[in-house]
PDB file of N, CA and C in Angstrom:
ATOM      1  N   UNK A   1      -8.424   0.022  -5.924  1.00  0.00           N
ATOM      2  CA  UNK A   1      -7.607   0.929  -6.849  1.00  0.00           C
ATOM      3  C   UNK A   1      -6.267   1.306  -6.394  1.00  0.00           C
ATOM      4  N   UNK A   2      -5.461   0.921  -7.470  1.00  0.00           N
ATOM      5  CA  UNK A   2      -3.919   1.260  -7.073  1.00  0.00           C
ATOM      6  C   UNK A   2      -3.590   2.800  -7.555  1.00  0.00           C
ATOM      7  N   UNK A   3      -2.799   3.332  -6.798  1.00  0.00           N
ATOM      8  CA  UNK A   3      -2.732   4.777  -7.034  1.00  0.00           C
ATOM      9  C   UNK A   3      -1.328   4.878  -7.435  1.00  0.00           C
ATOM     10  N   UNK A   4      -1.354   6.011  -8.638  1.00  0.00           N
ATOM     11  CA  UNK A   4       0.069   5.898  -9.394  1.00  0.00           C
ATOM     12  C   UNK A   4       0.891   6.899  -8.539  1.00  0.00           C
ATOM     13  N   UNK A   5       2.147   6.762  -8.570  1.00  0.00           N
ATOM     14  CA  UNK A   5       2.854   7.699  -7.946  1.00  0.00           C
ATOM     15  C   UNK A   5       3.745   8.952  -8.910  1.00  0.00           C
ATOM     16  N   UNK A   6       3.863  10.129  -8.490  1.00  0.00           N
ATOM     17  CA  UNK A   6       4.145  11.101  -9.559  1.00  0.00           C
ATOM     18  C   UNK A   6       5.778  10.972 -10.097  1.00  0.00           C
ATOM     19  N   UNK A   7       6.346  10.144  -9.179  1.00  0.00           N
ATOM     20  CA  UNK A   7       7.791   9.820  -9.317  1.00  0.00           C
ATOM     21  C   UNK A   7       7.959   9.145 -10.645  1.00  0.00           C
ATOM     22  N   UNK A   8       8.876   9.391 -11.626  1.00  0.00           N
ATOM     23  CA  UNK A   8       9.205   8.314 -12.545  1.00  0.00           C
ATOM     24  C   UNK A   8      10.189   7.678 -12.462  1.00  0.00           C
ATOM     25  N   UNK A   9      10.313   6.527 -13.071  1.00  0.00           N
ATOM     26  CA  UNK A   9      11.834   5.583 -12.406  1.00  0.00           C
ATOM     27  C   UNK A   9      12.952   6.320 -12.260  1.00  0.00           C
ATOM     28  N   UNK A  10      13.073   7.253 -13.452  1.00  0.00           N
ATOM     29  CA  UNK A  10      14.909   7.812 -13.513  1.00  0.00           C
ATOM     30  C   UNK A  10      14.507   9.201 -12.598  1.00  0.00           C
ATOM     31  N   UNK A  11      13.624   9.958 -12.019  1.00  0.00           N
ATOM     32  CA  UNK A  11      13.443  10.665 -10.968  1.00  0.00           C
ATOM     33  C   UNK A  11      14.108   9.929  -9.494  1.00  0.00           C
ATOM     34  N   UNK A  12      13.630   8.814  -9.355  1.00  0.00           N
ATOM     35  CA  UNK A  12      13.977   8.046  -8.116  1.00  0.00           C
ATOM     36  C   UNK A  12      15.550   7.689  -8.144  1.00  0.00           C
ATOM     37  N   UNK A  13      16.056   7.325  -9.244  1.00  0.00           N
ATOM     38  CA  UNK A  13      17.425   7.274  -9.563  1.00  0.00           C
ATOM     39  C   UNK A  13      18.198   8.463  -9.141  1.00  0.00           C
ATOM     40  N   UNK A  14      17.700   9.425  -9.922  1.00  0.00           N
ATOM     41  CA  UNK A  14      18.418  10.888  -9.446  1.00  0.00           C
ATOM     42  C   UNK A  14      18.599  10.968  -8.081  1.00  0.00           C
ATOM     43  N   UNK A  15      17.204  11.189  -7.612  1.00  0.00           N
ATOM     44  CA  UNK A  15      17.082  11.401  -5.987  1.00  0.00           C
ATOM     45  C   UNK A  15      18.006  10.397  -5.053  1.00  0.00           C
ATOM     46  N   UNK A  16      18.233   9.311  -5.499  1.00  0.00           N
ATOM     47  CA  UNK A  16      18.891   8.139  -4.633  1.00  0.00           C
ATOM     48  C   UNK A  16      20.436   8.439  -4.977  1.00  0.00           C
ATOM     49  N   UNK A  17      21.094   8.955  -6.366  1.00  0.00           N
ATOM     50  CA  UNK A  17      22.033   9.321  -6.501  1.00  0.00           C
ATOM     51  C   UNK A  17      22.300  10.452  -5.834  1.00  0.00           C
ATOM     52  N   UNK A  18      21.849  11.561  -5.753  1.00  0.00           N
ATOM     53  CA  UNK A  18      21.648  12.773  -4.748  1.00  0.00           C
ATOM     54  C   UNK A  18      22.204  12.320  -3.345  1.00  0.00           C
ATOM     55  N   UNK A  19      21.385  11.585  -2.768  1.00  0.00           N
ATOM     56  CA  UNK A  19      21.406  11.067  -1.626  1.00  0.00           C
ATOM     57  C   UNK A  19      22.683  10.375  -1.300  1.00  0.00           C
ATOM     58  N   UNK A  20      23.186   9.407  -2.024  1.00  0.00           N
ATOM     59  CA  UNK A  20      24.326   9.129  -1.839  1.00  0.00           C
ATOM     60  C   UNK A  20      25.396   9.994  -2.104  1.00  0.00           C
ATOM     61  N   UNK A  21      25.643  10.681  -3.074  1.00  0.00           N
ATOM     62  CA  UNK A  21      26.500  11.900  -2.774  1.00  0.00           C
ATOM     63  C   UNK A  21      26.649  12.584  -1.718  1.00  0.00           C
ATOM     64  N   UNK A  22      25.410  13.026  -1.006  1.00  0.00           N
ATOM     65  CA  UNK A  22      25.352  13.636  -0.080  1.00  0.00           C
ATOM     66  C   UNK A  22      26.018  12.991   1.536  1.00  0.00           C
ATOM     67  N   UNK A  23      25.833  11.770   1.339  1.00  0.00           N
ATOM     68  CA  UNK A  23      26.311  10.961   2.280  1.00  0.00           C
ATOM     69  C   UNK A  23      27.827  10.818   2.236  1.00  0.00           C
ATOM     70  N   UNK A  24      28.357  10.618   0.827  1.00  0.00           N
ATOM     71  CA  UNK A  24      29.627  10.887   0.449  1.00  0.00           C
ATOM     72  C   UNK A  24      30.541  12.180   1.083  1.00  0.00           C
ATOM     73  N   UNK A  25      29.833  13.294   0.728  1.00  0.00           N
ATOM     74  CA  UNK A  25      30.361  14.604   1.069  1.00  0.00           C
ATOM     75  C   UNK A  25      29.969  14.803   2.587  1.00  0.00           C
ATOM     76  N   UNK A  26      29.167  14.142   3.472  1.00  0.00           N
ATOM     77  CA  UNK A  26      28.983  14.338   4.999  1.00  0.00           C
ATOM     78  C   UNK A  26      30.368  13.707   5.471  1.00  0.00           C
ATOM     79  N   UNK A  27      30.597  12.519   4.648  1.00  0.00           N
ATOM     80  CA  UNK A  27      31.760  11.748   5.381  1.00  0.00           C
ATOM     81  C   UNK A  27      32.959  12.528   5.096  1.00  0.00           C
ATOM     82  N   UNK A  28      33.251  13.141   3.836  1.00  0.00           N
ATOM     83  CA  UNK A  28      34.475  13.674   3.759  1.00  0.00           C
ATOM     84  C   UNK A  28      34.583  14.786   4.829  1.00  0.00           C
ATOM     85  N   UNK A  29      33.224  15.613   4.845  1.00  0.00           N
ATOM     86  CA  UNK A  29      33.364  16.635   5.938  1.00  0.00           C
ATOM     87  C   UNK A  29      33.444  16.307   7.346  1.00  0.00           C
ATOM     88  N   UNK A  30      33.115  15.258   7.707  1.00  0.00           N
ATOM     89  CA  UNK A  30      33.094  14.704   9.285  1.00  0.00           C
ATOM     90  C   UNK A  30      34.682  14.023   9.424  1.00  0.00           C
ATOM     91  N   UNK A  31      35.443  13.738   8.456  1.00  0.00           N
ATOM     92  CA  UNK A  31      36.934  13.480   8.427  1.00  0.00           C
ATOM     93  C   UNK A  31      37.843  14.526   8.549  1.00  0.00           C
ATOM     94  N   UNK A  32      37.115  15.864   8.154  1.00  0.00           N
ATOM     95  CA  UNK A  32      37.909  17.071   8.336  1.00  0.00           C
ATOM     96  C   UNK A  32      37.574  17.636   9.668  1.00  0.00           C
ATOM     97  N   UNK A  33      36.473  17.258  10.373  1.00  0.00           N
ATOM     98  CA  UNK A  33      36.314  17.461  11.832  1.00  0.00           C
ATOM     99  C   UNK A  33      37.075  16.590  12.580  1.00  0.00           C
ATOM    100  N   UNK A  34      37.077  15.491  12.131  1.00  0.00           N
ATOM    101  CA  UNK A  34      37.951  14.507  13.159  1.00  0.00           C
ATOM    102  C   UNK A  34      39.704  14.939  13.015  1.00  0.00           C
ATOM    103  N   UNK A  35      40.032  15.206  11.973  1.00  0.00           N
ATOM    104  CA  UNK A  35      41.094  15.551  11.703  1.00  0.00           C
ATOM    105  C   UNK A  35      41.486  16.767  12.070  1.00  0.00           C
ATOM    106  N   UNK A  36      40.617  17.827  12.276  1.00  0.00           N
ATOM    107  CA  UNK A  36      40.971  19.137  12.969  1.00  0.00           C
ATOM    108  C   UNK A  36      39.839  19.623  14.153  1.00  0.00           C
ATOM    109  N   UNK A  37      39.787  19.171  15.046  1.00  0.00           N
ATOM    110  CA  UNK A  37      38.647  19.352  15.984  1.00  0.00           C
ATOM    111  C   UNK A  37      38.381  20.854  16.289  1.00  0.00           C
ATOM    112  N   UNK A  38      39.476  21.351  16.645  1.00  0.00           N
ATOM    113  CA  UNK A  38      39.318  22.761  17.082  1.00  0.00           C
ATOM    114  C   UNK A  38      39.251  23.717  15.738  1.00  0.00           C
ATOM    115  N   UNK A  39      39.325  23.430  14.567  1.00  0.00           N
ATOM    116  CA  UNK A  39      39.007  24.326  13.550  1.00  0.00           C
ATOM    117  C   UNK A  39      37.820  23.895  12.605  1.00  0.00           C
ATOM    118  N   UNK A  40      36.995  23.072  12.981  1.00  0.00           N
ATOM    119  CA  UNK A  40      36.141  22.292  12.355  1.00  0.00           C
ATOM    120  C   UNK A  40      34.692  22.851  12.399  1.00  0.00           C
ATOM    121  N   UNK A  41      34.416  23.928  12.990  1.00  0.00           N
ATOM    122  CA  UNK A  41      33.039  24.517  13.361  1.00  0.00           C
ATOM    123  C   UNK A  41      32.441  24.758  11.658  1.00  0.00           C
ATOM    124  N   UNK A  42      33.257  25.121  10.917  1.00  0.00           N
ATOM    125  CA  UNK A  42      32.534  25.290   9.483  1.00  0.00           C
ATOM    126  C   UNK A  42      32.391  24.186   8.567  1.00  0.00           C
ATOM    127  N   UNK A  43      32.782  23.200   9.085  1.00  0.00           N
ATOM    128  CA  UNK A  43      32.535  21.882   8.585  1.00  0.00           C
ATOM    129  C   UNK A  43      31.492  21.285   9.107  1.00  0.00           C
ATOM    130  N   UNK A  44      31.386  21.586  10.774  1.00  0.00           N
ATOM    131  CA  UNK A  44      30.389  21.074  11.492  1.00  0.00           C
ATOM    132  C   UNK A  44      28.493  21.862  10.716  1.00  0.00           C
ATOM    133  N   UNK A  45      28.985  23.067  10.528  1.00  0.00           N
ATOM    134  CA  UNK A  45      27.644  24.043  10.068  1.00  0.00           C
ATOM    135  C   UNK A  45      27.693  23.739   8.759  1.00  0.00           C
ATOM    136  N   UNK A  46      28.668  23.263   7.845  1.00  0.00           N
ATOM    137  CA  UNK A  46      28.243  22.686   6.693  1.00  0.00           C
ATOM    138  C   UNK A  46      27.507  21.481   6.497  1.00  0.00           C
ATOM    139  N   UNK A  47      28.079  20.449   7.265  1.00  0.00           N
ATOM    140  CA  UNK A  47      27.142  19.611   7.585  1.00  0.00           C
ATOM    141  C   UNK A  47      25.559  19.515   7.935  1.00  0.00           C
ATOM    142  N   UNK A  48      25.319  20.436   8.602  1.00  0.00           N
ATOM    143  CA  UNK A  48      23.973  20.689   9.120  1.00  0.00           C
ATOM    144  C   UNK A  48      23.173  21.222   8.026  1.00  0.00           C
ATOM    145  N   UNK A  49      23.886  22.152   7.321  1.00  0.00           N
ATOM    146  CA  UNK A  49      23.517  22.841   5.995  1.00  0.00           C
ATOM    147  C   UNK A  49      22.883  21.834   5.020  1.00  0.00           C
ATOM    148  N   UNK A  50      23.843  20.827   4.948  1.00  0.00           N
ATOM    149  CA  UNK A  50      23.730  19.866   3.683  1.00  0.00           C
ATOM    150  C   UNK A  50      22.672  18.920   4.469  1.00  0.00           C
ATOM    151  N   UNK A  51      22.578  18.514   5.691  1.00  0.00           N
ATOM    152  CA  UNK A  51      21.562  17.482   5.683  1.00  0.00           C
ATOM    153  C   UNK A  51      20.117  18.130   5.768  1.00  0.00           C
ATOM    154  N   UNK A  52      19.914  19.528   5.994  1.00  0.00           N
ATOM    155  CA  UNK A  52      18.861  20.539   5.956  1.00  0.00           C
ATOM    156  C   UNK A  52      18.371  20.558   4.442  1.00  0.00           C
ATOM    157  N   UNK A  53      19.255  20.845   3.709  1.00  0.00           N
ATOM    158  CA  UNK A  53      19.010  20.872   2.255  1.00  0.00           C
ATOM    159  C   UNK A  53      18.573  19.619   1.436  1.00  0.00           C
ATOM    160  N   UNK A  54      18.863  18.500   1.862  1.00  0.00           N
ATOM    161  CA  UNK A  54      18.870  17.068   1.487  1.00  0.00           C
ATOM    162  C   UNK A  54      17.569  16.803   2.043  1.00  0.00           C
ATOM    163  N   UNK A  55      17.342  17.243   3.060  1.00  0.00           N
ATOM    164  CA  UNK A  55      15.841  16.709   3.825  1.00  0.00           C
ATOM    165  C   UNK A  55      14.734  17.728   3.014  1.00  0.00           C
ATOM    166  N   UNK A  56      14.918  18.675   2.849  1.00  0.00           N
ATOM    167  CA  UNK A  56      14.026  19.843   2.330  1.00  0.00           C
ATOM    168  C   UNK A  56      13.803  19.823   0.738  1.00  0.00           C
ATOM    169  N   UNK A  57      14.649  19.287  -0.057  1.00  0.00           N
ATOM    170  CA  UNK A  57      14.793  19.355  -1.262  1.00  0.00           C
ATOM    171  C   UNK A  57      13.126  18.726  -1.701  1.00  0.00           C
ATOM    172  N   UNK A  58      12.654  19.576  -2.745  1.00  0.00           N
ATOM    173  CA  UNK A  58      11.230  18.706  -3.160  1.00  0.00           C
ATOM    174  C   UNK A  58      11.841  17.802  -4.033  1.00  0.00           C
ATOM    175  N   UNK A  59      11.652  16.163  -3.842  1.00  0.00           N
ATOM    176  CA  UNK A  59      11.750  15.188  -4.355  1.00  0.00           C
ATOM    177  C   UNK A  59      11.011  14.837  -5.748  1.00  0.00           C
ATOM    178  N   UNK A  60      10.027  15.877  -5.854  1.00  0.00           N
ATOM    179  CA  UNK A  60       9.201  15.778  -7.272  1.00  0.00           C
ATOM    180  C   UNK A  60       9.539  16.669  -7.975  1.00  0.00           C
ATOM    181  N   UNK A  61      10.551  17.733  -7.767  1.00  0.00           N
ATOM    182  CA  UNK A  61      11.023  18.964  -8.468  1.00  0.00           C
ATOM    183  C   UNK A  61      12.536  18.281  -9.184  1.00  0.00           C
ATOM    184  N   UNK A  62      12.372  18.009 -10.232  1.00  0.00           N
ATOM    185  CA  UNK A  62      13.746  17.302 -10.665  1.00  0.00           C
ATOM    186  C   UNK A  62      14.780  18.064 -11.192  1.00  0.00           C
ATOM    187  N   UNK A  63      14.572  19.485 -11.413  1.00  0.00           N
ATOM    188  CA  UNK A  63      15.364  20.516 -11.443  1.00  0.00           C
ATOM    189  C   UNK A  63      15.939  20.886 -10.343  1.00  0.00           C
ATOM    190  N   UNK A  64      15.001  20.922  -8.888  1.00  0.00           N
ATOM    191  CA  UNK A  64      15.936  21.053  -7.775  1.00  0.00           C
ATOM    192  C   UNK A  64      16.664  19.904  -7.150  1.00  0.00           C
ATOM    193  N   UNK A  65      16.173  18.646  -7.529  1.00  0.00           N
ATOM    194  CA  UNK A  65      17.080  17.497  -7.201  1.00  0.00           C
ATOM    195  C   UNK A  65      18.454  17.765  -8.016  1.00  0.00           C
ATOM    196  N   UNK A  66      18.379  18.023  -9.271  1.00  0.00           N
ATOM    197  CA  UNK A  66      19.544  18.078  -9.940  1.00  0.00           C
ATOM    198  C   UNK A  66      20.503  19.084  -9.661  1.00  0.00           C
ATOM    199  N   UNK A  67      19.952  20.172  -9.433  1.00  0.00           N
ATOM    200  CA  UNK A  67      20.860  21.367  -8.517  1.00  0.00           C
ATOM    201  C   UNK A  67      21.419  21.131  -7.226  1.00  0.00           C
ATOM    202  N   UNK A  68      20.485  20.450  -6.461  1.00  0.00           N
ATOM    203  CA  UNK A  68      21.403  20.234  -5.357  1.00  0.00           C
ATOM    204  C   UNK A  68      22.671  19.250  -5.503  1.00  0.00           C
ATOM    205  N   UNK A  69      22.303  18.331  -6.348  1.00  0.00           N
ATOM    206  CA  UNK A  69      23.069  17.028  -6.886  1.00  0.00           C
ATOM    207  C   UNK A  69      24.340  17.561  -7.386  1.00  0.00           C
ATOM    208  N   UNK A  70      24.393  18.768  -8.168  1.00  0.00           N
ATOM    209  CA  UNK A  70      25.543  19.277  -8.861  1.00  0.00           C
ATOM    210  C   UNK A  70      26.016  20.344  -7.842  1.00  0.00           C
ATOM    211  N   UNK A  71      25.419  20.759  -6.951  1.00  0.00           N
ATOM    212  CA  UNK A  71      26.229  21.600  -5.922  1.00  0.00           C
ATOM    213  C   UNK A  71      27.025  20.641  -4.966  1.00  0.00           C
ATOM    214  N   UNK A  72      26.349  19.366  -4.552  1.00  0.00           N
ATOM    215  CA  UNK A  72      27.164  18.629  -3.973  1.00  0.00           C
ATOM    216  C   UNK A  72      28.403  17.975  -4.348  1.00  0.00           C
ATOM    217  N   UNK A  73      28.100  17.654  -5.923  1.00  0.00           N
ATOM    218  CA  UNK A  73      28.981  17.046  -6.738  1.00  0.00           C
ATOM    219  C   UNK A  73      30.405  18.170  -6.572  1.00  0.00           C
ATOM    220  N   UNK A  74      30.090  19.408  -6.907  1.00  0.00           N
ATOM    221  CA  UNK A  74      31.009  20.414  -7.176  1.00  0.00           C
ATOM    222  C   UNK A  74      31.842  20.461  -5.680  1.00  0.00           C
ATOM    223  N   UNK A  75      31.189  20.359  -4.611  1.00  0.00           N
ATOM    224  CA  UNK A  75      31.850  20.499  -3.324  1.00  0.00           C
ATOM    225  C   UNK A  75      32.747  19.273  -3.001  1.00  0.00           C
ATOM    226  N   UNK A  76      32.327  17.890  -3.552  1.00  0.00           N
ATOM    227  CA  UNK A  76      33.281  16.885  -3.337  1.00  0.00           C
ATOM    228  C   UNK A  76      34.481  16.918  -4.174  1.00  0.00           C
ATOM    229  N   UNK A  77      34.160  17.289  -5.294  1.00  0.00           N
ATOM    230  CA  UNK A  77      35.434  17.619  -6.249  1.00  0.00           C
ATOM    231  C   UNK A  77      36.327  18.797  -5.646  1.00  0.00           C
ATOM    232  N   UNK A  78      35.857  19.923  -4.908  1.00  0.00           N
ATOM    233  CA  UNK A  78      36.733  20.571  -4.269  1.00  0.00           C
ATOM    234  C   UNK A  78      37.197  20.176  -3.097  1.00  0.00           C
ATOM    235  N   UNK A  79      37.008  19.520  -2.536  1.00  0.00           N
ATOM    236  CA  UNK A  79      37.384  18.658  -1.164  1.00  0.00           C
ATOM    237  C   UNK A  79      38.685  17.846  -1.703  1.00  0.00           C
ATOM    238  N   UNK A  80      38.154  17.079  -2.833  1.00  0.00           N
ATOM    239  CA  UNK A  80      39.152  15.996  -3.157  1.00  0.00           C
ATOM    240  C   UNK A  80      40.393  16.798  -3.715  1.00  0.00           C
ATOM    241  N   UNK A  81      40.261  18.055  -4.169  1.00  0.00           N
ATOM    242  CA  UNK A  81      41.539  18.828  -4.928  1.00  0.00           C
ATOM    243  C   UNK A  81      42.071  19.306  -3.447  1.00  0.00           C
ATOM    244  N   UNK A  82      41.605  19.320  -2.399  1.00  0.00           N
ATOM    245  CA  UNK A  82      41.935  19.665  -1.053  1.00  0.00           C
ATOM    246  C   UNK A  82      41.867  21.053  -0.378  1.00  0.00           C
ATOM    247  N   UNK A  83      40.786  21.772  -1.301  1.00  0.00           N
ATOM    248  CA  UNK A  83      40.725  23.321  -0.736  1.00  0.00           C
ATOM    249  C   UNK A  83      39.168  22.955   0.281  1.00  0.00           C
ATOM    250  N   UNK A  84      39.316  23.714   1.283  1.00  0.00           N
ATOM    251  CA  UNK A  84      38.356  23.647   2.157  1.00  0.00           C
ATOM    252  C   UNK A  84      37.571  24.686   2.196  1.00  0.00           C
TER     253      UNK A  84
END
């Protein structure tokens, strides 16, 4: 007997988009570390927190995934505008 997953197709897409955005944000933060190694402690801590948040979000909780994705997107926007 084949078991059915609790994930709907659109949940998987939302989760994958959130992970892709997290990867983009990580790259942005690490480029900040490369540019300013001495002042990069906060970026390193932010990368660690982001990794924790992505790995611990309940992938079956669409609202939690959406909230994390929104937070990641907002941070990407702020970094793109030049604010650290």
